[in-house]
Amino acid sequence: MIEQLSEGFFEIFQDGTFQKMDPSRLENVDQDESLGKYSSALGIDPLLIRFNGKIILLDPGLGWGLDHKSSYQNTSSVVTNLDIFEIRPEEVDLVILSHLHYDHIAGCTYVDNNFKTIATFPNARYIVHKDEWIHALNQAGSKNDKKGATYNLDEFYKLVAENRVDFFDQDFYSPVSGITVMKTGGHSPGHTIVKIREETGISYFMGDLVPTEYHLNHYAMKQIDWDPVQSKKAKKWILTMASEQNATIFFYHSLFRKSGLISQNKKNQFLLMEPRKK
């Protein structure tokens, strides 16, 4: 079973900082002095998979409100989302990370009342591609010209030091039967997506290869992607394959259309249909 979680609506600025936003601002974007000019609106939507006796999370988000004395106590987070499904953080078996940008991994940890960094999911293995880790180490703390593509590994180092992280170096890696992590590169050197094969069909979690439904037929990531050419090649390959499989795709950053069945018309445009009924 696949469930799409949500941390809500955010405004991201050119320096990579985030701010929670009121979704009503999207009703008058043309009159907004900031949105679309100095910042962009996006959603943060981790994915929960209950599969073959395992509980798996994909990209656990920003994790606002998890830290001790956080000013965002009433903000939706991956933990409050899991609580809706009566799942405790201790029950999560795997956390798969598409890449290590801050907005995808901050929810992996929190700071407790002793100011110690704690694994949000204490019994889980955290999975990421080795190329992504090497690239993140080289980029963390340095300035780059990729707007919004920021690494902040301060708390993630603790997970690595505690031997909670599994680094894989294959292009296709299956940590659990029916789950395949596929290296695409492009957005970052070790970026991956996840293929989920269920009895009811195939699904793909697109990470930041195709972050929203808007990006299906438009490439607007040149200023953000590490390798734009590779991004476009991987995007075309995955979407074509997914449409041939009548697969469902899940977006991480969409504001409204979070998922849907992918198809292709006679003009080779990708279309998003209503998701498969459970």
Foldseek 3Di string as FASTA:
>chain_A
DKDKAWQAKWKAFQQQDIDHDDVVCVVCVVPDPPDPPGIHMWIFIKMWDCPPNAIEIEQQFQQQLQAVPGPPVVTDGSQVRVVVVPDALQRHAEYEYQAAFNGRCNNQWYQYPVRDIDGRNNNYAYEFAPQRVVQLVVQAPHDDQQGNRYHDCPSVVVCVVVVRYDYDHDQWDDPDPQKIWGAQAWLHNGGTKIWGQDPVFIEIECEVLQQEPVSQADDPRPSRTPHNVSSVVSSLVVLVVQQVRQYKYAHRIYNPCGIAGWHADPVRGIDGHHHDDD
